[in-house]
Amino acid sequence: MTYDIRKEDGETKGRFTVTVDGHEAELTYSRMSPHRIIADHTGVPDALGGKGVGKALVEALVADARATGTTVVALCPFVKAQAKRHPEWADVFV
């Protein structure tokens, strides 16, 4: 399933969000430098559990990092677990 994921990018923080059936999920990050961020939290409401929403947020993070030449430090346990499951994303994670 595909989701309409939006990116909100501030000077020091940002997030990827998606709303499904009235429930918002997010992946937040903090900016370390112009080309390095820390993925620090993924929040998916129980109502959206098991629908691939969290993974879709990480996929959006990876695609955006590749497009912008950004590397990601996975502090969030969920993002870290997804990075381990997907070695094809190794170019993004440090």
PDB file of N, CA and C in Angstrom:
ATOM      1  N   MET A   1       0.838  -1.176   0.000  1.00  0.00           N
ATOM      2  CA  MET A   1       0.000   0.000   0.000  1.00  0.00           C
ATOM      3  C   MET A   1       0.888   1.247   0.000  1.00  0.00           C
ATOM      4  N   THR A   2       0.477   2.270  -0.682  1.00  0.00           N
ATOM      5  CA  THR A   2       1.222   3.520  -0.703  1.00  0.00           C
ATOM      6  C   THR A   2       0.487   4.547   0.161  1.00  0.00           C
ATOM      7  N   TYR A   3       1.269   5.397   0.771  1.00  0.00           N
ATOM      8  CA  TYR A   3       0.725   6.418   1.666  1.00  0.00           C
ATOM      9  C   TYR A   3       1.185   7.791   1.211  1.00  0.00           C
ATOM     10  N   ASP A   4       0.372   8.798   1.499  1.00  0.00           N
ATOM     11  CA  ASP A   4       0.694  10.182   1.169  1.00  0.00           C
ATOM     12  C   ASP A   4       1.500  10.775   2.328  1.00  0.00           C
ATOM     13  N   ILE A   5       2.814  10.592   2.275  1.00  0.00           N
ATOM     14  CA  ILE A   5       3.694  11.032   3.351  1.00  0.00           C
ATOM     15  C   ILE A   5       4.181  12.441   3.049  1.00  0.00           C
ATOM     16  N   ARG A   6       4.099  13.281   4.060  1.00  0.00           N
ATOM     17  CA  ARG A   6       4.527  14.672   3.940  1.00  0.00           C
ATOM     18  C   ARG A   6       5.775  14.910   4.777  1.00  0.00           C
ATOM     19  N   LYS A   7       6.613  15.818   4.321  1.00  0.00           N
ATOM     20  CA  LYS A   7       7.828  16.183   5.049  1.00  0.00           C
ATOM     21  C   LYS A   7       7.692  17.613   5.544  1.00  0.00           C
ATOM     22  N   GLU A   8       7.993  17.802   6.822  1.00  0.00           N
ATOM     23  CA  GLU A   8       8.058  19.129   7.428  1.00  0.00           C
ATOM     24  C   GLU A   8       9.505  19.315   7.860  1.00  0.00           C
ATOM     25  N   ASP A   9      10.194  20.286   7.277  1.00  0.00           N
ATOM     26  CA  ASP A   9      11.623  20.454   7.529  1.00  0.00           C
ATOM     27  C   ASP A   9      11.890  21.828   8.113  1.00  0.00           C
ATOM     28  N   GLY A  10      12.369  21.853   9.353  1.00  0.00           N
ATOM     29  CA  GLY A  10      12.728  23.103  10.001  1.00  0.00           C
ATOM     30  C   GLY A  10      14.240  23.267  10.021  1.00  0.00           C
ATOM     31  N   GLU A  11      14.683  24.337  10.636  1.00  0.00           N
ATOM     32  CA  GLU A  11      16.116  24.616  10.681  1.00  0.00           C
ATOM     33  C   GLU A  11      16.882  23.590  11.507  1.00  0.00           C
ATOM     34  N   THR A  12      16.290  23.121  12.619  1.00  0.00           N
ATOM     35  CA  THR A  12      16.983  22.172  13.489  1.00  0.00           C
ATOM     36  C   THR A  12      16.251  20.847  13.633  1.00  0.00           C
ATOM     37  N   LYS A  13      14.970  20.805  13.313  1.00  0.00           N
ATOM     38  CA  LYS A  13      14.173  19.590  13.460  1.00  0.00           C
ATOM     39  C   LYS A  13      13.230  19.445  12.271  1.00  0.00           C
ATOM     40  N   GLY A  14      12.738  18.232  12.109  1.00  0.00           N
ATOM     41  CA  GLY A  14      11.769  17.982  11.057  1.00  0.00           C
ATOM     42  C   GLY A  14      11.042  16.686  11.321  1.00  0.00           C
ATOM     43  N   ARG A  15      10.129  16.365  10.424  1.00  0.00           N
ATOM     44  CA  ARG A  15       9.404  15.104  10.568  1.00  0.00           C
ATOM     45  C   ARG A  15       8.742  14.714   9.264  1.00  0.00           C
ATOM     46  N   PHE A  16       8.498  13.429   9.154  1.00  0.00           N
ATOM     47  CA  PHE A  16       7.700  12.862   8.081  1.00  0.00           C
ATOM     48  C   PHE A  16       6.393  12.442   8.736  1.00  0.00           C
ATOM     49  N   THR A  17       5.262  12.796   8.128  1.00  0.00           N
ATOM     50  CA  THR A  17       3.965  12.458   8.709  1.00  0.00           C
ATOM     51  C   THR A  17       3.054  11.837   7.663  1.00  0.00           C
ATOM     52  N   VAL A  18       2.112  11.070   8.166  1.00  0.00           N
ATOM     53  CA  VAL A  18       1.067  10.513   7.323  1.00  0.00           C
ATOM     54  C   VAL A  18      -0.176  10.362   8.185  1.00  0.00           C
ATOM     55  N   THR A  19      -1.328  10.654   7.594  1.00  0.00           N
ATOM     56  CA  THR A  19      -2.596  10.466   8.289  1.00  0.00           C
ATOM     57  C   THR A  19      -3.383   9.391   7.545  1.00  0.00           C
ATOM     58  N   VAL A  20      -3.779   8.373   8.292  1.00  0.00           N
ATOM     59  CA  VAL A  20      -4.539   7.252   7.724  1.00  0.00           C
ATOM     60  C   VAL A  20      -5.758   7.032   8.618  1.00  0.00           C
ATOM     61  N   ASP A  21      -6.912   7.038   8.019  1.00  0.00           N
ATOM     62  CA  ASP A  21      -8.165   6.825   8.766  1.00  0.00           C
ATOM     63  C   ASP A  21      -8.260   7.730   9.989  1.00  0.00           C
ATOM     64  N   GLY A  22      -7.803   8.979   9.851  1.00  0.00           N
ATOM     65  CA  GLY A  22      -7.896   9.941  10.938  1.00  0.00           C
ATOM     66  C   GLY A  22      -6.810   9.835  11.997  1.00  0.00           C
ATOM     67  N   HIS A  23      -5.867   8.930  11.823  1.00  0.00           N
ATOM     68  CA  HIS A  23      -4.774   8.747  12.784  1.00  0.00           C
ATOM     69  C   HIS A  23      -3.462   9.212  12.153  1.00  0.00           C
ATOM     70  N   GLU A  24      -2.709  10.029  12.894  1.00  0.00           N
ATOM     71  CA  GLU A  24      -1.434  10.531  12.378  1.00  0.00           C
ATOM     72  C   GLU A  24      -0.267   9.722  12.928  1.00  0.00           C
ATOM     73  N   ALA A  25       0.638   9.331  12.035  1.00  0.00           N
ATOM     74  CA  ALA A  25       1.896   8.680  12.399  1.00  0.00           C
ATOM     75  C   ALA A  25       3.023   9.619  11.999  1.00  0.00           C
ATOM     76  N   GLU A  26       4.152   9.525  12.703  1.00  0.00           N
ATOM     77  CA  GLU A  26       5.258  10.413  12.388  1.00  0.00           C
ATOM     78  C   GLU A  26       6.605   9.750  12.639  1.00  0.00           C
ATOM     79  N   LEU A  27       7.591  10.254  11.923  1.00  0.00           N
ATOM     80  CA  LEU A  27       8.995   9.927  12.143  1.00  0.00           C
ATOM     81  C   LEU A  27       9.688  11.279  12.290  1.00  0.00           C
ATOM     82  N   THR A  28      10.281  11.527  13.459  1.00  0.00           N
ATOM     83  CA  THR A  28      10.902  12.823  13.699  1.00  0.00           C
ATOM     84  C   THR A  28      12.413  12.711  13.596  1.00  0.00           C
ATOM     85  N   TYR A  29      13.035  13.834  13.296  1.00  0.00           N
ATOM     86  CA  TYR A  29      14.493  13.870  13.218  1.00  0.00           C
ATOM     87  C   TYR A  29      15.022  15.212  13.684  1.00  0.00           C
ATOM     88  N   SER A  30      16.288  15.201  14.056  1.00  0.00           N
ATOM     89  CA  SER A  30      17.018  16.415  14.432  1.00  0.00           C
ATOM     90  C   SER A  30      18.178  16.579  13.475  1.00  0.00           C
ATOM     91  N   ARG A  31      18.464  17.811  13.135  1.00  0.00           N
ATOM     92  CA  ARG A  31      19.542  18.092  12.186  1.00  0.00           C
ATOM     93  C   ARG A  31      20.854  18.283  12.930  1.00  0.00           C
ATOM     94  N   MET A  32      21.871  17.491  12.554  1.00  0.00           N
ATOM     95  CA  MET A  32      23.220  17.623  13.123  1.00  0.00           C
ATOM     96  C   MET A  32      24.045  18.623  12.323  1.00  0.00           C
ATOM     97  N   SER A  33      23.861  18.597  11.015  1.00  0.00           N
ATOM     98  CA  SER A  33      24.600  19.461  10.097  1.00  0.00           C
ATOM     99  C   SER A  33      23.762  19.552   8.820  1.00  0.00           C
ATOM    100  N   PRO A  34      24.209  20.327   7.836  1.00  0.00           N
ATOM    101  CA  PRO A  34      23.403  20.433   6.613  1.00  0.00           C
ATOM    102  C   PRO A  34      23.145  19.093   5.913  1.00  0.00           C
ATOM    103  N   HIS A  35      24.028  18.121   6.123  1.00  0.00           N
ATOM    104  CA  HIS A  35      23.857  16.848   5.410  1.00  0.00           C
ATOM    105  C   HIS A  35      23.887  15.626   6.320  1.00  0.00           C
ATOM    106  N   ARG A  36      23.529  15.821   7.600  1.00  0.00           N
ATOM    107  CA  ARG A  36      23.424  14.677   8.515  1.00  0.00           C
ATOM    108  C   ARG A  36      22.298  14.945   9.508  1.00  0.00           C
ATOM    109  N   ILE A  37      21.422  13.943   9.660  1.00  0.00           N
ATOM    110  CA  ILE A  37      20.320  14.045  10.603  1.00  0.00           C
ATOM    111  C   ILE A  37      20.320  12.841  11.543  1.00  0.00           C
ATOM    112  N   ILE A  38      19.622  12.994  12.654  1.00  0.00           N
ATOM    113  CA  ILE A  38      19.405  11.911  13.611  1.00  0.00           C
ATOM    114  C   ILE A  38      17.924  11.555  13.558  1.00  0.00           C
ATOM    115  N   ALA A  39      17.597  10.337  13.170  1.00  0.00           N
ATOM    116  CA  ALA A  39      16.215   9.856  13.229  1.00  0.00           C
ATOM    117  C   ALA A  39      15.971   9.475  14.684  1.00  0.00           C
ATOM    118  N   ASP A  40      15.149  10.278  15.393  1.00  0.00           N
ATOM    119  CA  ASP A  40      15.069  10.088  16.835  1.00  0.00           C
ATOM    120  C   ASP A  40      13.776   9.478  17.358  1.00  0.00           C
ATOM    121  N   HIS A  41      12.722   9.440  16.563  1.00  0.00           N
ATOM    122  CA  HIS A  41      11.464   8.877  17.080  1.00  0.00           C
ATOM    123  C   HIS A  41      10.539   8.496  15.928  1.00  0.00           C
ATOM    124  N   THR A  42       9.901   7.347  16.071  1.00  0.00           N
ATOM    125  CA  THR A  42       8.828   6.952  15.167  1.00  0.00           C
ATOM    126  C   THR A  42       7.615   6.640  16.022  1.00  0.00           C
ATOM    127  N   GLY A  43       6.509   7.282  15.722  1.00  0.00           N
ATOM    128  CA  GLY A  43       5.284   7.045  16.464  1.00  0.00           C
ATOM    129  C   GLY A  43       4.161   6.643  15.529  1.00  0.00           C
ATOM    130  N   VAL A  44       3.649   5.437  15.744  1.00  0.00           N
ATOM    131  CA  VAL A  44       2.538   4.927  14.938  1.00  0.00           C
ATOM    132  C   VAL A  44       1.425   4.521  15.911  1.00  0.00           C
ATOM    133  N   PRO A  45       0.253   5.130  15.810  1.00  0.00           N
ATOM    134  CA  PRO A  45      -0.850   4.764  16.705  1.00  0.00           C
ATOM    135  C   PRO A  45      -1.208   3.284  16.571  1.00  0.00           C
ATOM    136  N   ASP A  46      -1.670   2.700  17.673  1.00  0.00           N
ATOM    137  CA  ASP A  46      -2.064   1.282  17.669  1.00  0.00           C
ATOM    138  C   ASP A  46      -3.056   0.964  16.553  1.00  0.00           C
ATOM    139  N   ALA A  47      -3.929   1.908  16.245  1.00  0.00           N
ATOM    140  CA  ALA A  47      -4.944   1.682  15.210  1.00  0.00           C
ATOM    141  C   ALA A  47      -4.324   1.439  13.839  1.00  0.00           C
ATOM    142  N   LEU A  48      -3.077   1.875  13.648  1.00  0.00           N
ATOM    143  CA  LEU A  48      -2.402   1.694  12.358  1.00  0.00           C
ATOM    144  C   LEU A  48      -1.360   0.582  12.395  1.00  0.00           C
ATOM    145  N   GLY A  49      -1.222  -0.078  13.516  1.00  0.00           N
ATOM    146  CA  GLY A  49      -0.230  -1.144  13.655  1.00  0.00           C
ATOM    147  C   GLY A  49      -0.452  -2.262  12.655  1.00  0.00           C
ATOM    148  N   GLY A  50       0.636  -2.786  12.126  1.00  0.00           N
ATOM    149  CA  GLY A  50       0.573  -3.910  11.196  1.00  0.00           C
ATOM    150  C   GLY A  50       0.196  -3.542   9.774  1.00  0.00           C
ATOM    151  N   LYS A  51       0.091  -2.260   9.471  1.00  0.00           N
ATOM    152  CA  LYS A  51      -0.299  -1.825   8.132  1.00  0.00           C
ATOM    153  C   LYS A  51       0.888  -1.329   7.313  1.00  0.00           C
ATOM    154  N   GLY A  52       2.085  -1.423   7.870  1.00  0.00           N
ATOM    155  CA  GLY A  52       3.269  -0.996   7.131  1.00  0.00           C
ATOM    156  C   GLY A  52       3.503   0.507   7.150  1.00  0.00           C
ATOM    157  N   VAL A  53       2.812   1.214   8.026  1.00  0.00           N
ATOM    158  CA  VAL A  53       2.933   2.672   8.072  1.00  0.00           C
ATOM    159  C   VAL A  53       4.324   3.082   8.549  1.00  0.00           C
ATOM    160  N   GLY A  54       4.817   2.445   9.598  1.00  0.00           N
ATOM    161  CA  GLY A  54       6.148   2.768  10.110  1.00  0.00           C
ATOM    162  C   GLY A  54       7.223   2.539   9.067  1.00  0.00           C
ATOM    163  N   LYS A  55       7.152   1.410   8.400  1.00  0.00           N
ATOM    164  CA  LYS A  55       8.136   1.109   7.360  1.00  0.00           C
ATOM    165  C   LYS A  55       8.042   2.131   6.228  1.00  0.00           C
ATOM    166  N   ALA A  56       6.830   2.531   5.865  1.00  0.00           N
ATOM    167  CA  ALA A  56       6.657   3.530   4.804  1.00  0.00           C
ATOM    168  C   ALA A  56       7.302   4.857   5.193  1.00  0.00           C
ATOM    169  N   LEU A  57       7.214   5.223   6.466  1.00  0.00           N
ATOM    170  CA  LEU A  57       7.869   6.446   6.932  1.00  0.00           C
ATOM    171  C   LEU A  57       9.389   6.338   6.794  1.00  0.00           C
ATOM    172  N   VAL A  58       9.937   5.180   7.149  1.00  0.00           N
ATOM    173  CA  VAL A  58      11.388   4.986   7.018  1.00  0.00           C
ATOM    174  C   VAL A  58      11.783   4.996   5.541  1.00  0.00           C
ATOM    175  N   GLU A  59      10.988   4.389   4.689  1.00  0.00           N
ATOM    176  CA  GLU A  59      11.273   4.412   3.252  1.00  0.00           C
ATOM    177  C   GLU A  59      11.288   5.843   2.722  1.00  0.00           C
ATOM    178  N   ALA A  60      10.367   6.683   3.205  1.00  0.00           N
ATOM    179  CA  ALA A  60      10.351   8.089   2.792  1.00  0.00           C
ATOM    180  C   ALA A  60      11.603   8.805   3.284  1.00  0.00           C
ATOM    181  N   LEU A  61      12.031   8.502   4.490  1.00  0.00           N
ATOM    182  CA  LEU A  61      13.267   9.061   5.036  1.00  0.00           C
ATOM    183  C   LEU A  61      14.459   8.680   4.169  1.00  0.00           C
ATOM    184  N   VAL A  62      14.560   7.413   3.823  1.00  0.00           N
ATOM    185  CA  VAL A  62      15.670   6.921   2.996  1.00  0.00           C
ATOM    186  C   VAL A  62      15.653   7.590   1.625  1.00  0.00           C
ATOM    187  N   ALA A  63      14.499   7.649   0.990  1.00  0.00           N
ATOM    188  CA  ALA A  63      14.397   8.269  -0.342  1.00  0.00           C
ATOM    189  C   ALA A  63      14.788   9.738  -0.285  1.00  0.00           C
ATOM    190  N   ASP A  64      14.332  10.432   0.754  1.00  0.00           N
ATOM    191  CA  ASP A  64      14.663  11.844   0.887  1.00  0.00           C
ATOM    192  C   ASP A  64      16.157  12.026   1.154  1.00  0.00           C
ATOM    193  N   ALA A  65      16.728  11.183   1.986  1.00  0.00           N
ATOM    194  CA  ALA A  65      18.162  11.270   2.286  1.00  0.00           C
ATOM    195  C   ALA A  65      18.982  11.075   1.014  1.00  0.00           C
ATOM    196  N   ARG A  66      18.601  10.115   0.219  1.00  0.00           N
ATOM    197  CA  ARG A  66      19.317   9.894  -1.044  1.00  0.00           C
ATOM    198  C   ARG A  66      19.178  11.088  -1.976  1.00  0.00           C
ATOM    199  N   ALA A  67      17.995  11.648  -2.054  1.00  0.00           N
ATOM    200  CA  ALA A  67      17.748  12.770  -2.963  1.00  0.00           C
ATOM    201  C   ALA A  67      18.493  14.030  -2.547  1.00  0.00           C
ATOM    202  N   THR A  68      18.732  14.172  -1.238  1.00  0.00           N
ATOM    203  CA  THR A  68      19.360  15.398  -0.739  1.00  0.00           C
ATOM    204  C   THR A  68      20.818  15.201  -0.324  1.00  0.00           C
ATOM    205  N   GLY A  69      21.346  13.986  -0.489  1.00  0.00           N
ATOM    206  CA  GLY A  69      22.730  13.731  -0.098  1.00  0.00           C
ATOM    207  C   GLY A  69      22.938  13.777   1.402  1.00  0.00           C
ATOM    208  N   THR A  70      21.932  13.354   2.149  1.00  0.00           N
ATOM    209  CA  THR A  70      21.959  13.383   3.604  1.00  0.00           C
ATOM    210  C   THR A  70      22.224  11.988   4.153  1.00  0.00           C
ATOM    211  N   THR A  71      23.008  11.905   5.221  1.00  0.00           N
ATOM    212  CA  THR A  71      23.187  10.639   5.923  1.00  0.00           C
ATOM    213  C   THR A  71      22.387  10.684   7.214  1.00  0.00           C
ATOM    214  N   VAL A  72      22.037   9.485   7.717  1.00  0.00           N
ATOM    215  CA  VAL A  72      21.131   9.371   8.855  1.00  0.00           C
ATOM    216  C   VAL A  72      21.777   8.545   9.962  1.00  0.00           C
ATOM    217  N   VAL A  73      21.730   9.090  11.161  1.00  0.00           N
ATOM    218  CA  VAL A  73      22.096   8.354  12.372  1.00  0.00           C
ATOM    219  C   VAL A  73      20.788   7.820  12.943  1.00  0.00           C
ATOM    220  N   ALA A  74      20.664   6.507  13.059  1.00  0.00           N
ATOM    221  CA  ALA A  74      19.421   5.891  13.525  1.00  0.00           C
ATOM    222  C   ALA A  74      19.448   5.749  15.042  1.00  0.00           C
ATOM    223  N   LEU A  75      18.927   6.736  15.744  1.00  0.00           N
ATOM    224  CA  LEU A  75      18.817   6.678  17.194  1.00  0.00           C
ATOM    225  C   LEU A  75      17.528   5.966  17.603  1.00  0.00           C
ATOM    226  N   CYS A  76      16.484   6.164  16.829  1.00  0.00           N
ATOM    227  CA  CYS A  76      15.187   5.532  17.083  1.00  0.00           C
ATOM    228  C   CYS A  76      15.323   4.012  16.916  1.00  0.00           C
ATOM    229  N   PRO A  77      14.886   3.231  17.919  1.00  0.00           N
ATOM    230  CA  PRO A  77      14.990   1.765  17.818  1.00  0.00           C
ATOM    231  C   PRO A  77      14.281   1.187  16.594  1.00  0.00           C
ATOM    232  N   PHE A  78      13.130   1.737  16.212  1.00  0.00           N
ATOM    233  CA  PHE A  78      12.414   1.215  15.051  1.00  0.00           C
ATOM    234  C   PHE A  78      13.198   1.473  13.774  1.00  0.00           C
ATOM    235  N   VAL A  79      13.708   2.685  13.609  1.00  0.00           N
ATOM    236  CA  VAL A  79      14.488   3.016  12.411  1.00  0.00           C
ATOM    237  C   VAL A  79      15.745   2.157  12.372  1.00  0.00           C
ATOM    238  N   LYS A  80      16.389   1.981  13.511  1.00  0.00           N
ATOM    239  CA  LYS A  80      17.600   1.159  13.585  1.00  0.00           C
ATOM    240  C   LYS A  80      17.298  -0.283  13.164  1.00  0.00           C
ATOM    241  N   ALA A  81      16.174  -0.828  13.638  1.00  0.00           N
ATOM    242  CA  ALA A  81      15.785  -2.193  13.280  1.00  0.00           C
ATOM    243  C   ALA A  81      15.494  -2.310  11.785  1.00  0.00           C
ATOM    244  N   GLN A  82      14.821  -1.314  11.217  1.00  0.00           N
ATOM    245  CA  GLN A  82      14.535  -1.336   9.786  1.00  0.00           C
ATOM    246  C   GLN A  82      15.831  -1.255   8.969  1.00  0.00           C
ATOM    247  N   ALA A  83      16.761  -0.431   9.416  1.00  0.00           N
ATOM    248  CA  ALA A  83      18.045  -0.305   8.713  1.00  0.00           C
ATOM    249  C   ALA A  83      18.777  -1.649   8.698  1.00  0.00           C
ATOM    250  N   LYS A  84      18.717  -2.384   9.794  1.00  0.00           N
ATOM    251  CA  LYS A  84      19.374  -3.707   9.860  1.00  0.00           C
ATOM    252  C   LYS A  84      18.694  -4.705   8.938  1.00  0.00           C
ATOM    253  N   ARG A  85      17.371  -4.594   8.792  1.00  0.00           N
ATOM    254  CA  ARG A  85      16.615  -5.513   7.931  1.00  0.00           C
ATOM    255  C   ARG A  85      16.805  -5.221   6.447  1.00  0.00           C
ATOM    256  N   HIS A  86      17.279  -4.019   6.139  1.00  0.00           N
ATOM    257  CA  HIS A  86      17.389  -3.594   4.743  1.00  0.00           C
ATOM    258  C   HIS A  86      18.816  -3.136   4.433  1.00  0.00           C
ATOM    259  N   PRO A  87      19.702  -4.082   4.166  1.00  0.00           N
ATOM    260  CA  PRO A  87      21.091  -3.710   3.874  1.00  0.00           C
ATOM    261  C   PRO A  87      21.235  -2.834   2.628  1.00  0.00           C
ATOM    262  N   GLU A  88      20.222  -2.834   1.777  1.00  0.00           N
ATOM    263  CA  GLU A  88      20.266  -1.983   0.583  1.00  0.00           C
ATOM    264  C   GLU A  88      20.166  -0.495   0.945  1.00  0.00           C
ATOM    265  N   TRP A  89      19.883  -0.189   2.187  1.00  0.00           N
ATOM    266  CA  TRP A  89      19.831   1.187   2.662  1.00  0.00           C
ATOM    267  C   TRP A  89      21.133   1.623   3.328  1.00  0.00           C
ATOM    268  N   ALA A  90      22.136   0.778   3.321  1.00  0.00           N
ATOM    269  CA  ALA A  90      23.400   1.048   4.031  1.00  0.00           C
ATOM    270  C   ALA A  90      24.064   2.349   3.586  1.00  0.00           C
ATOM    271  N   ASP A  91      23.812   2.780   2.361  1.00  0.00           N
ATOM    272  CA  ASP A  91      24.420   4.034   1.877  1.00  0.00           C
ATOM    273  C   ASP A  91      23.887   5.262   2.614  1.00  0.00           C
ATOM    274  N   VAL A  92      22.747   5.127   3.283  1.00  0.00           N
ATOM    275  CA  VAL A  92      22.121   6.263   3.958  1.00  0.00           C
ATOM    276  C   VAL A  92      22.477   6.303   5.447  1.00  0.00           C
ATOM    277  N   PHE A  93      22.575   5.132   6.079  1.00  0.00           N
ATOM    278  CA  PHE A  93      22.768   5.073   7.520  1.00  0.00           C
ATOM    279  C   PHE A  93      24.243   5.025   7.906  1.00  0.00           C
ATOM    280  N   VAL A  94      24.597   5.782   8.948  1.00  0.00           N
ATOM    281  CA  VAL A  94      25.984   5.800   9.454  1.00  0.00           C
ATOM    282  C   VAL A  94      26.010   5.309  10.883  1.00  0.00           C
TER     283      VAL A  94
END
